[in-house]
Amino acid sequence: MGAKYKRVERGIAAPSTSSPHHQPPPSHSDESTTYPDPPIRVYASRFTGSPELLRALLQLGEQQQRWRPKPLPLSWTSKLPCSLRDNRILTAYSSGTGYSKLGFAGNDSPSFVFPTAIASKGPAGGAGGSGSGRPAIANKPSFLTGGAGPGGHLHAKRGTEDLDFFIGDEALAAASGPGYGIHYPIRHGQIDNWDLMERFWSNSIFKYLRVEPEDHHFLLTEPPMNPPENRENTAEIMFESFNCAGLYIAVQAVLALAASWTSSKVHDRSLTGTVIDSGAGVTHVIPVAEGYVIGSSIKSVPIAGRDITNFVQSLLRDRNEPDSSLQTAERIKEEFCYVSPDIVKEFSRFDREPDYFKKHTVNYPNGKSVQVDVGYERFLAPEIFFNPEIYSSDFLTPLPNIVDTVIQTSPIDVRRGLYKNIVLSGGSTLYKDFGRRLQRDIRHLVDARIKASEARSGGAKSGGLDVQVITHKRQRHGPWFGGSLLGQTPEFKSYCHTKAEYDEIGPSIVRRFALLGGPGST
């Protein structure tokens, strides 16, 4: 198409196929292919709202420069904003202790990823900070409804003091100056302050995604063993404050299993496996059988990304490096750290080959820069997962032992599947050779137990167990990608609870959800 826009019914312009938000499915023929008209033409002809609104939505799609994800590898999908593809398409939202991920179903990466932080007037923490917050559902009105309860016009009833806050990277920048304090609404994977979380969601939806909640179904993720009261609080905010069309709350571990289907090691789309979900604040080892979390066997590990960052920072300080800030430690962790098969041999390798020592340059806003030496922390920092005693005396159990214990305490008929499908999820599992080391150590534990069992049985040979740790390209945002993958299925909306159902039954309706891909509930 030569022109950028093509006229359609009612005089509304539609983007051409050269638009970055719409690409035709790949052709397998050498001959030139004639592609059908862009889907926007169809929706424009059916759009019943004002031309100005549709034109504004089209412009919005062009303005979202950061949103250029690739289509899912499992099936081709349009890259048009989901609000234009279908006025009831899912918006996937995954909030963690460190970062929040949000975007639309059918994309293989989130549209936005930013810190789960909020900056407001006043000091950090304290009242309304990181420890107070709404403890129960009945605490209404919310800040969104300005004291009028749900259903009112949000913008007309918000006070100026309620709008004077920032989230994400803007929050961190605002908190670095005077007048604003930084708050973290999620602590160790659990929502700690509901008022701040509501503000955070509001800004995410209206400022970043720029969608009308009543036109979208939302999929939110939750940590394992999330109290049902937290689900009710979430439903109250989503249905009453935001008036969303539908809501589905999924356990992160189940979505992480779905995300692993893109790995070449996975040959069947099973929802049975052991998920190791390690983010910034907490690490969970979660056994899942046919989509159901085995709650009695879940283990929480008090070692995660922030602990590794703190460990790197302490090593820098011990050497009196010119810059040992938390930000520098974070960058060193992400750029240089890896998992070694044997730390004793790794020490010797560093001593023999000076090239293993690196230098990290820190640039300051005033134009000055310093160089920080990067040495043993390259392999020592991630090693705290496998030898936690080098970091703290409070927790001494290695991660492979915890994974083995979790599987052994699960029902015996699902253990083989749990060993065969150990899935990594979260940013703290991305270190080079993390999966290989974990698989080796778990296999050693399993083999030692089998040999001991064979010796007790008089030499009878066992068939053995297949131990396999799954790594894949999307494990950083595994739960979000799993939600995006399942959210694009035709049957997904039938699993969501709607606003009408919420109005009829109340918040307790979200205590149970039908299991995606099968009968039952999560």
Protein backbone atom coordinates (compact mmCIF):
# COMPACT_ATOMS: atom_id res chain seq x y z
CA MET A 1 0.00 0.00 0.00
CA GLY A 2 1.58 3.26 -1.06
CA ALA A 3 -0.15 5.65 1.29
CA LYS A 4 0.26 5.41 5.01
CA TYR A 5 -3.50 5.44 5.59
CA LYS A 6 -6.39 3.97 3.63
CA ARG A 7 -9.92 5.30 3.74
CA VAL A 8 -12.61 3.07 5.14
CA GLU A 9 -16.28 3.41 6.01
CA ARG A 10 -17.44 6.53 7.88
CA GLY A 11 -14.31 8.39 6.87
CA ILE A 12 -12.06 6.79 9.52
CA ALA A 13 -8.44 6.30 8.49
CA ALA A 14 -6.82 2.94 9.12
CA PRO A 15 -3.09 2.18 9.27
CA SER A 16 -1.58 0.33 6.37
CA THR A 17 0.12 -3.03 6.57
CA SER A 18 3.42 -1.14 6.85
CA SER A 19 2.42 -0.04 10.34
CA PRO A 20 4.71 -1.48 13.05
CA HIS A 21 1.63 -2.67 14.92
CA HIS A 22 0.40 -4.95 12.17
CA GLN A 23 2.40 -7.53 10.28
CA PRO A 24 1.01 -10.26 8.01
CA PRO A 25 1.74 -13.89 8.80
CA PRO A 26 4.92 -15.15 7.19
CA SER A 27 4.57 -16.62 3.72
CA HIS A 28 6.09 -19.96 2.83
CA SER A 29 5.85 -19.33 -0.93
CA ASP A 30 8.44 -17.69 -3.13
CA GLU A 31 5.70 -15.97 -5.10
CA SER A 32 4.38 -12.58 -4.07
CA THR A 33 1.49 -12.84 -1.65
CA THR A 34 -1.57 -10.61 -1.51
CA TYR A 35 -2.50 -10.05 2.10
CA PRO A 36 -6.02 -9.23 3.25
CA ASP A 37 -6.95 -5.78 4.40
CA PRO A 38 -5.68 -4.84 7.85
CA PRO A 39 -8.02 -6.01 10.63
CA ILE A 40 -8.49 -2.40 11.71
CA ARG A 41 -10.67 -1.83 8.63
CA VAL A 42 -13.11 -4.42 9.86
CA TYR A 43 -13.28 -3.02 13.37
CA ALA A 44 -13.49 0.55 12.10
CA SER A 45 -16.54 -0.32 10.02
CA ARG A 46 -18.20 -1.93 13.06
CA PHE A 47 -17.15 0.71 15.58
CA THR A 48 -20.24 2.31 17.11
CA GLY A 49 -18.54 5.12 19.04
CA SER A 50 -17.55 8.55 17.86
CA PRO A 51 -14.98 8.94 15.07
CA GLU A 52 -12.93 11.16 17.39
CA LEU A 53 -12.59 8.35 19.95
CA LEU A 54 -11.44 5.81 17.37
CA ARG A 55 -8.99 8.30 15.88
CA ALA A 56 -7.60 8.96 19.36
CA LEU A 57 -7.16 5.24 19.92
CA LEU A 58 -5.34 4.89 16.63
CA GLN A 59 -3.03 7.73 17.55
CA LEU A 60 -2.44 6.13 20.93
CA GLY A 61 -1.26 2.94 19.28
CA GLU A 62 1.23 4.95 17.22
CA GLN A 63 2.49 6.77 20.33
CA GLN A 64 3.36 3.61 22.28
CA GLN A 65 6.91 3.48 20.96
CA ARG A 66 8.10 1.07 23.62
CA TRP A 67 5.52 -1.51 22.67
CA ARG A 68 6.86 -3.48 19.72
CA PRO A 69 6.76 -7.12 20.83
CA LYS A 70 7.22 -10.07 18.51
CA PRO A 71 4.26 -12.35 17.85
CA LEU A 72 4.02 -15.53 19.85
CA PRO A 73 5.90 -18.42 18.26
CA LEU A 74 2.97 -20.80 18.77
CA SER A 75 0.62 -18.96 16.45
CA TRP A 76 0.57 -15.74 14.53
CA THR A 77 -1.39 -12.90 16.12
CA SER A 78 -2.01 -9.33 15.12
CA LYS A 79 0.16 -6.71 16.79
CA LEU A 80 -2.63 -4.18 16.91
CA PRO A 81 -3.49 -2.90 20.39
CA CYS A 82 -5.86 -5.39 21.93
CA SER A 83 -8.39 -2.64 22.65
CA LEU A 84 -8.80 -2.41 18.86
CA ARG A 85 -8.67 -6.12 18.13
CA ASP A 86 -11.45 -6.96 20.57
CA ASN A 87 -13.14 -4.78 23.15
CA ARG A 88 -13.00 -7.61 25.65
CA ILE A 89 -9.41 -8.80 25.19
CA LEU A 90 -7.29 -9.67 28.18
CA THR A 91 -4.84 -7.32 29.81
CA ALA A 92 -2.17 -9.35 31.62
CA TYR A 93 -0.68 -7.84 34.77
CA SER A 94 2.01 -9.42 36.93
CA SER A 95 3.23 -7.52 40.00
CA GLY A 96 6.24 -8.69 41.93
CA THR A 97 8.30 -7.40 44.81
CA GLY A 98 10.86 -5.85 42.49
CA TYR A 99 9.13 -5.23 39.17
CA SER A 100 5.68 -5.15 37.61
CA LYS A 101 4.97 -6.41 34.11
CA LEU A 102 1.91 -5.39 32.11
CA GLY A 103 0.72 -5.75 28.56
CA PHE A 104 -1.81 -7.46 26.30
CA ALA A 105 -2.66 -11.08 25.57
CA GLY A 106 -1.07 -12.55 22.48
CA ASN A 107 2.27 -10.75 22.84
CA ASP A 108 5.45 -12.55 23.79
CA SER A 109 6.80 -9.79 26.04
CA PRO A 110 5.25 -7.20 28.35
CA SER A 111 4.54 -3.75 26.99
CA PHE A 112 5.96 -2.19 30.15
CA VAL A 113 8.29 -3.37 32.90
CA PHE A 114 9.08 -1.01 35.78
CA PRO A 115 9.85 -1.14 39.52
CA THR A 116 6.95 -1.84 41.88
CA ALA A 117 7.52 1.44 43.69
CA ILE A 118 5.44 4.53 44.34
CA ALA A 119 6.60 7.99 45.42
CA SER A 120 4.25 10.35 47.23
CA LYS A 121 4.54 13.56 49.20
CA GLY A 122 6.19 13.14 52.57
CA PRO A 123 8.83 10.84 54.03
CA ALA A 124 9.38 7.25 52.97
CA GLY A 125 7.51 4.60 54.93
CA GLY A 126 5.56 5.74 57.97
CA ALA A 127 1.85 6.35 57.78
CA GLY A 128 0.52 5.15 54.50
CA GLY A 129 3.96 3.85 53.68
CA SER A 130 5.24 0.35 53.72
CA GLY A 131 3.51 -1.03 56.72
CA SER A 132 0.04 0.44 57.11
CA GLY A 133 -2.54 0.24 54.39
CA ARG A 134 -6.04 -1.10 54.13
CA PRO A 135 -6.34 -4.30 56.13
CA ALA A 136 -9.84 -5.29 55.17
CA ILE A 137 -12.28 -5.10 52.31
CA ALA A 138 -14.73 -2.87 54.14
CA ASN A 139 -12.38 0.12 54.20
CA LYS A 140 -14.19 2.27 51.69
CA PRO A 141 -14.21 4.76 50.08
CA SER A 142 -11.06 4.31 48.05
CA PHE A 143 -8.93 7.15 46.75
CA LEU A 144 -10.24 6.54 43.24
CA THR A 145 -13.86 7.21 44.14
CA GLY A 146 -13.11 10.29 46.19
CA GLY A 147 -15.43 9.31 49.01
CA ALA A 148 -18.42 8.62 46.77
CA GLY A 149 -18.12 4.86 46.53
CA PRO A 150 -17.82 2.90 43.32
CA GLY A 151 -19.41 3.90 40.09
CA GLY A 152 -18.69 7.63 40.15
CA HIS A 153 -16.70 9.62 37.62
CA LEU A 154 -13.11 8.98 38.67
CA HIS A 155 -11.42 12.06 37.33
CA ALA A 156 -14.00 14.46 38.74
CA LYS A 157 -13.73 13.10 42.27
CA ARG A 158 -10.01 12.70 42.73
CA GLY A 159 -8.32 15.26 44.90
CA THR A 160 -5.13 16.93 43.77
CA GLU A 161 -3.30 15.38 46.70
CA ASP A 162 -4.31 11.93 45.49
CA LEU A 163 -2.86 12.57 42.04
CA ASP A 164 0.48 13.87 43.29
CA PHE A 165 2.40 10.61 43.11
CA PHE A 166 4.66 8.71 40.73
CA ILE A 167 5.23 5.02 40.06
CA GLY A 168 8.03 2.93 38.63
CA ASP A 169 11.19 4.62 37.42
CA GLU A 170 9.53 8.02 37.82
CA ALA A 171 8.99 7.22 41.49
CA LEU A 172 12.66 6.41 42.00
CA ALA A 173 13.64 9.66 40.28
CA ALA A 174 11.17 11.72 42.32
CA ALA A 175 12.30 10.15 45.59
CA SER A 176 15.90 11.12 44.87
CA GLY A 177 14.88 14.77 45.23
CA PRO A 178 13.24 16.68 48.08
CA GLY A 179 9.57 16.40 49.02
CA TYR A 180 8.83 12.81 47.99
CA GLY A 181 9.24 9.53 49.83
CA ILE A 182 9.54 6.11 48.22
CA HIS A 183 7.19 3.25 49.18
CA TYR A 184 7.01 -0.40 48.11
CA PRO A 185 3.44 -1.76 48.19
CA ILE A 186 4.61 -5.40 47.84
CA ARG A 187 6.87 -7.04 50.39
CA HIS A 188 8.22 -10.58 50.01
CA GLY A 189 5.70 -11.32 47.27
CA GLN A 190 2.61 -10.20 49.24
CA ILE A 191 0.70 -6.92 48.91
CA ASP A 192 1.58 -4.97 52.04
CA ASN A 193 -0.37 -1.74 51.48
CA TRP A 194 -3.65 -1.84 49.58
CA ASP A 195 -4.13 1.92 49.28
CA LEU A 196 -0.75 2.29 47.62
CA MET A 197 -1.39 -0.78 45.48
CA GLU A 198 -4.64 0.73 44.23
CA ARG A 199 -2.88 3.93 43.25
CA PHE A 200 -0.16 1.90 41.58
CA TRP A 201 -2.69 -0.09 39.54
CA SER A 202 -4.56 3.08 38.61
CA ASN A 203 -1.49 4.77 37.18
CA SER A 204 -0.46 1.58 35.41
CA ILE A 205 -3.80 1.20 33.67
CA PHE A 206 -4.58 4.80 32.78
CA LYS A 207 -1.12 6.26 32.20
CA TYR A 208 0.85 3.33 30.78
CA LEU A 209 -1.62 0.95 29.15
CA ARG A 210 -4.08 3.80 28.45
CA VAL A 211 -7.11 1.59 28.28
CA GLU A 212 -10.63 1.76 29.68
CA PRO A 213 -10.92 -1.06 32.24
CA GLU A 214 -14.62 -1.62 31.50
CA ASP A 215 -13.60 -2.69 27.99
CA HIS A 216 -11.06 -5.28 29.10
CA HIS A 217 -10.74 -8.53 30.96
CA PHE A 218 -7.79 -8.57 33.35
CA LEU A 219 -5.56 -11.47 34.31
CA LEU A 220 -3.64 -10.82 37.52
CA THR A 221 -1.02 -13.12 39.00
CA GLU A 222 -0.68 -14.05 42.64
CA PRO A 223 1.99 -15.80 44.72
CA PRO A 224 1.45 -19.31 46.07
CA MET A 225 -0.70 -19.61 49.19
CA ASN A 226 -2.12 -16.13 48.72
CA PRO A 227 -4.82 -15.62 51.40
CA PRO A 228 -8.37 -15.58 49.99
CA GLU A 229 -8.90 -12.20 51.66
CA ASN A 230 -6.25 -10.77 49.34
CA ARG A 231 -8.18 -12.05 46.34
CA GLU A 232 -11.31 -10.33 47.66
CA ASN A 233 -9.42 -7.07 48.17
CA THR A 234 -8.14 -7.31 44.61
CA ALA A 235 -11.63 -7.99 43.23
CA GLU A 236 -13.06 -5.05 45.15
CA ILE A 237 -10.52 -2.70 43.61
CA MET A 238 -10.75 -4.09 40.08
CA PHE A 239 -14.56 -4.27 39.92
CA GLU A 240 -15.63 -1.34 42.09
CA SER A 241 -12.86 1.21 41.59
CA PHE A 242 -11.95 0.34 38.00
CA ASN A 243 -15.20 -1.29 36.83
CA CYS A 244 -13.31 -3.89 34.75
CA ALA A 245 -15.28 -6.19 32.47
CA GLY A 246 -13.85 -9.44 33.83
CA LEU A 247 -11.17 -10.76 36.14
CA TYR A 248 -9.10 -13.90 36.41
CA ILE A 249 -6.51 -14.38 39.18
CA ALA A 250 -3.95 -17.08 38.38
CA VAL A 251 -1.20 -18.62 40.47
CA GLN A 252 2.19 -17.59 39.15
CA ALA A 253 3.55 -21.14 39.23
CA VAL A 254 0.84 -22.48 36.90
CA LEU A 255 1.49 -19.67 34.42
CA ALA A 256 5.24 -20.32 34.61
CA LEU A 257 4.61 -23.94 33.61
CA ALA A 258 2.59 -22.74 30.63
CA ALA A 259 5.41 -20.38 29.66
CA SER A 260 7.86 -23.29 29.56
CA TRP A 261 5.93 -24.87 26.68
CA THR A 262 8.02 -22.80 24.28
CA SER A 263 11.20 -24.63 25.35
CA SER A 264 12.61 -27.22 22.96
CA LYS A 265 12.97 -29.57 25.95
CA VAL A 266 9.21 -29.67 26.49
CA HIS A 267 7.42 -32.14 24.22
CA ASP A 268 3.96 -32.09 25.81
CA ARG A 269 2.03 -29.17 27.22
CA SER A 270 1.79 -30.48 30.75
CA LEU A 271 0.72 -28.52 33.80
CA THR A 272 2.61 -30.91 36.08
CA GLY A 273 6.01 -29.85 37.28
CA THR A 274 8.08 -28.15 39.95
CA VAL A 275 8.43 -24.39 39.59
CA ILE A 276 11.36 -22.51 41.07
CA ASP A 277 10.24 -18.89 41.05
CA SER A 278 12.96 -16.50 42.21
CA GLY A 279 12.49 -12.77 41.90
CA ALA A 280 13.78 -9.81 43.83
CA GLY A 281 12.27 -10.46 47.23
CA VAL A 282 11.58 -14.17 47.67
CA THR A 283 12.18 -17.59 46.12
CA HIS A 284 9.44 -20.23 46.07
CA VAL A 285 9.67 -23.92 45.20
CA ILE A 286 6.18 -24.93 44.12
CA PRO A 287 4.99 -28.40 43.04
CA VAL A 288 2.08 -28.40 40.61
CA ALA A 289 0.08 -31.48 39.58
CA GLU A 290 -2.27 -31.13 36.59
CA GLY A 291 -2.60 -27.41 37.20
CA TYR A 292 -3.22 -27.70 40.95
CA VAL A 293 -0.67 -26.37 43.41
CA ILE A 294 0.27 -28.90 46.11
CA GLY A 295 0.11 -26.37 48.90
CA SER A 296 1.32 -28.64 51.70
CA SER A 297 4.68 -29.13 49.97
CA ILE A 298 5.53 -25.54 49.02
CA LYS A 299 8.78 -24.20 50.40
CA SER A 300 9.83 -20.58 50.67
CA VAL A 301 13.53 -19.71 50.45
CA PRO A 302 14.65 -16.44 52.10
CA ILE A 303 17.26 -15.86 49.41
CA ALA A 304 16.48 -13.92 46.24
CA GLY A 305 17.74 -11.17 43.97
CA ARG A 306 18.08 -8.45 46.57
CA ASP A 307 20.12 -10.74 48.81
CA ILE A 308 22.54 -11.37 45.95
CA THR A 309 22.79 -7.62 45.32
CA ASN A 310 23.46 -6.98 49.01
CA PHE A 311 26.14 -9.67 49.00
CA VAL A 312 27.87 -8.10 46.01
CA GLN A 313 27.71 -4.71 47.73
CA SER A 314 29.27 -6.11 50.93
CA LEU A 315 32.16 -7.62 48.93
CA LEU A 316 32.76 -4.28 47.20
CA ARG A 317 32.79 -2.49 50.54
CA ASP A 318 35.22 -4.98 52.04
CA ARG A 319 37.67 -4.10 49.26
CA ASN A 320 37.07 -0.34 49.65
CA GLU A 321 36.07 0.06 46.02
CA PRO A 322 35.57 3.69 44.90
CA ASP A 323 31.85 3.04 44.35
CA SER A 324 29.99 0.41 46.35
CA SER A 325 26.46 1.75 45.97
CA LEU A 326 23.48 -0.57 45.67
CA GLN A 327 22.95 0.55 42.08
CA THR A 328 26.51 -0.37 41.15
CA ALA A 329 26.19 -3.74 42.87
CA GLU A 330 22.97 -4.38 40.93
CA ARG A 331 24.63 -3.67 37.60
CA ILE A 332 27.63 -5.84 38.41
CA LYS A 333 25.31 -8.67 39.39
CA GLU A 334 23.38 -8.48 36.14
CA GLU A 335 26.38 -8.01 33.86
CA PHE A 336 29.14 -10.20 35.29
CA CYS A 337 27.76 -12.90 37.60
CA TYR A 338 27.45 -16.57 36.69
CA VAL A 339 27.15 -19.96 38.41
CA SER A 340 30.28 -22.09 38.63
CA PRO A 341 30.31 -25.91 38.88
CA ASP A 342 32.92 -25.86 41.66
CA ILE A 343 33.86 -22.71 43.60
CA VAL A 344 37.19 -24.14 44.82
CA LYS A 345 38.34 -24.73 41.25
CA GLU A 346 36.94 -21.33 40.28
CA PHE A 347 39.11 -19.59 42.88
CA SER A 348 42.16 -21.34 41.43
CA ARG A 349 41.15 -20.36 37.91
CA PHE A 350 40.91 -16.69 38.87
CA ASP A 351 44.31 -16.86 40.54
CA ARG A 352 45.91 -18.46 37.47
CA GLU A 353 44.20 -16.34 34.82
CA PRO A 354 43.92 -12.61 35.62
CA ASP A 355 41.64 -12.13 32.60
CA TYR A 356 38.74 -13.42 34.70
CA PHE A 357 38.91 -10.21 36.72
CA LYS A 358 36.86 -7.47 35.11
CA LYS A 359 36.40 -3.73 35.50
CA HIS A 360 33.10 -1.90 35.67
CA THR A 361 32.93 1.79 34.83
CA VAL A 362 30.56 3.99 36.83
CA ASN A 363 29.61 7.28 35.16
CA TYR A 364 28.29 10.15 37.28
CA PRO A 365 25.95 12.95 36.18
CA ASN A 366 28.72 15.53 36.66
CA GLY A 367 30.77 13.86 33.93
CA LYS A 368 33.22 12.09 36.21
CA SER A 369 33.69 8.34 36.21
CA VAL A 370 35.40 5.69 38.31
CA GLN A 371 36.38 2.09 37.70
CA VAL A 372 35.34 -0.70 40.03
CA ASP A 373 37.23 -4.00 40.09
CA VAL A 374 35.03 -7.06 39.68
CA GLY A 375 36.52 -10.27 40.99
CA TYR A 376 35.40 -13.28 43.00
CA GLU A 377 31.87 -11.89 43.42
CA ARG A 378 31.26 -12.92 39.82
CA PHE A 379 30.70 -16.51 40.94
CA LEU A 380 30.39 -16.10 44.71
CA ALA A 381 27.17 -14.04 44.56
CA PRO A 382 24.93 -16.65 42.85
CA GLU A 383 26.66 -19.36 44.88
CA ILE A 384 24.54 -18.40 47.91
CA PHE A 385 21.72 -20.43 46.34
CA PHE A 386 23.89 -23.56 46.55
CA ASN A 387 26.02 -22.76 49.63
CA PRO A 388 23.97 -20.24 51.62
CA GLU A 389 26.34 -20.39 54.60
CA ILE A 390 28.75 -18.04 52.81
CA TYR A 391 26.11 -15.31 53.03
CA SER A 392 24.15 -15.91 56.22
CA SER A 393 24.08 -18.24 59.19
CA ASP A 394 20.30 -17.96 59.52
CA PHE A 395 19.52 -20.20 56.54
CA LEU A 396 21.79 -23.11 55.61
CA THR A 397 19.82 -25.43 53.29
CA PRO A 398 20.99 -25.41 49.63
CA LEU A 399 18.37 -24.89 46.94
CA PRO A 400 18.84 -28.36 45.35
CA ASN A 401 18.09 -30.00 48.72
CA ILE A 402 14.95 -27.91 49.09
CA VAL A 403 13.72 -28.88 45.62
CA ASP A 404 14.36 -32.55 46.39
CA THR A 405 12.51 -32.27 49.72
CA VAL A 406 9.53 -30.54 48.08
CA ILE A 407 9.16 -33.35 45.54
CA GLN A 408 9.65 -36.09 48.11
CA THR A 409 6.87 -34.64 50.29
CA SER A 410 4.46 -34.55 47.33
CA PRO A 411 2.13 -37.47 46.51
CA ILE A 412 4.13 -40.44 45.28
CA ASP A 413 2.18 -40.84 42.04
CA VAL A 414 3.24 -37.39 40.75
CA ARG A 415 6.88 -37.36 41.85
CA ARG A 416 8.25 -38.69 38.58
CA GLY A 417 6.54 -35.86 36.69
CA LEU A 418 7.80 -33.29 39.20
CA TYR A 419 11.41 -34.40 38.72
CA LYS A 420 11.06 -34.52 34.96
CA ASN A 421 9.73 -30.97 34.62
CA ILE A 422 11.57 -28.57 36.95
CA VAL A 423 10.87 -25.13 35.50
CA LEU A 424 12.85 -21.98 36.27
CA SER A 425 11.08 -18.65 36.48
CA GLY A 426 12.08 -15.14 37.51
CA GLY A 427 15.05 -12.85 37.01
CA SER A 428 17.18 -14.48 39.70
CA THR A 429 17.30 -17.75 37.75
CA LEU A 430 18.91 -16.20 34.65
CA TYR A 431 22.55 -16.62 35.66
CA LYS A 432 24.65 -18.55 33.19
CA ASP A 433 24.72 -22.28 34.00
CA PHE A 434 22.22 -21.89 36.86
CA GLY A 435 19.96 -24.59 35.44
CA ARG A 436 22.87 -26.93 34.63
CA ARG A 437 24.27 -26.72 38.17
CA LEU A 438 20.85 -27.19 39.73
CA GLN A 439 20.10 -30.23 37.58
CA ARG A 440 23.48 -31.81 38.41
CA ASP A 441 23.09 -31.31 42.17
CA ILE A 442 19.51 -32.63 42.25
CA ARG A 443 20.52 -35.63 40.18
CA HIS A 444 23.32 -36.41 42.65
CA LEU A 445 20.81 -36.38 45.52
CA VAL A 446 18.40 -38.64 43.61
CA ASP A 447 21.11 -41.08 42.52
CA ALA A 448 22.49 -41.35 46.06
CA ARG A 449 19.03 -42.15 47.42
CA ILE A 450 18.40 -44.76 44.71
CA LYS A 451 21.75 -46.45 45.40
CA ALA A 452 21.00 -46.58 49.11
CA SER A 453 17.57 -48.06 48.37
CA GLU A 454 19.09 -50.69 46.08
CA ALA A 455 21.59 -51.64 48.76
CA ARG A 456 18.83 -52.09 51.33
CA SER A 457 16.82 -54.24 48.93
CA GLY A 458 19.64 -56.71 48.35
CA GLY A 459 20.89 -55.37 45.04
CA ALA A 460 17.59 -55.11 43.16
CA LYS A 461 18.05 -52.55 40.41
CA SER A 462 15.82 -49.53 40.11
CA GLY A 463 14.62 -48.00 36.87
CA GLY A 464 15.97 -44.61 37.93
CA LEU A 465 14.45 -41.17 37.67
CA ASP A 466 14.76 -38.60 34.92
CA VAL A 467 15.77 -35.23 36.40
CA GLN A 468 15.37 -32.34 34.00
CA VAL A 469 15.59 -28.60 34.67
CA ILE A 470 13.85 -26.51 32.00
CA THR A 471 15.32 -23.18 30.95
CA HIS A 472 13.80 -21.05 28.22
CA LYS A 473 14.10 -17.58 26.73
CA ARG A 474 11.08 -16.16 28.52
CA GLN A 475 11.74 -17.28 32.06
CA ARG A 476 12.48 -13.71 33.22
CA HIS A 477 8.81 -12.84 32.72
CA GLY A 478 7.53 -16.43 32.88
CA PRO A 479 4.23 -15.86 34.74
CA TRP A 480 3.38 -12.87 32.56
CA PHE A 481 4.13 -14.74 29.34
CA GLY A 482 2.15 -17.75 30.53
CA GLY A 483 -0.81 -15.47 31.17
CA SER A 484 -0.42 -13.93 27.74
CA LEU A 485 -0.29 -17.39 26.18
CA LEU A 486 -3.37 -18.74 27.95
CA GLY A 487 -5.23 -15.45 27.68
CA GLN A 488 -5.32 -15.59 23.90
CA THR A 489 -7.15 -18.93 23.87
CA PRO A 490 -10.78 -18.74 22.71
CA GLU A 491 -12.16 -20.23 25.92
CA PHE A 492 -10.33 -17.93 28.30
CA LYS A 493 -13.14 -15.41 28.84
CA SER A 494 -15.49 -18.17 29.95
CA TYR A 495 -13.18 -18.74 32.93
CA CYS A 496 -13.25 -15.10 34.05
CA HIS A 497 -15.64 -13.71 36.64
CA THR A 498 -17.57 -10.76 35.24
CA LYS A 499 -18.72 -7.50 36.78
CA ALA A 500 -22.32 -8.73 36.74
CA GLU A 501 -21.37 -11.88 38.67
CA TYR A 502 -19.45 -9.79 41.16
CA ASP A 503 -22.40 -7.45 41.69
CA GLU A 504 -24.69 -10.43 42.28
CA ILE A 505 -22.51 -12.54 44.58
CA GLY A 506 -19.90 -10.17 46.00
CA PRO A 507 -16.13 -10.37 46.52
CA SER A 508 -16.27 -14.00 47.68
CA ILE A 509 -16.82 -15.07 44.07
CA VAL A 510 -13.09 -14.69 43.34
CA ARG A 511 -12.10 -17.23 45.98
CA ARG A 512 -12.48 -19.88 43.28
CA PHE A 513 -11.67 -19.85 39.59
CA ALA A 514 -12.15 -22.58 37.03
CA LEU A 515 -8.82 -24.11 36.08
CA LEU A 516 -7.55 -23.06 32.69
CA GLY A 517 -7.45 -26.10 30.46
CA GLY A 518 -9.48 -28.40 32.67
CA PRO A 519 -12.28 -28.73 35.23
CA GLY A 520 -11.88 -27.63 38.82
CA SER A 521 -10.61 -24.50 40.45
CA THR A 522 -7.38 -22.86 41.45
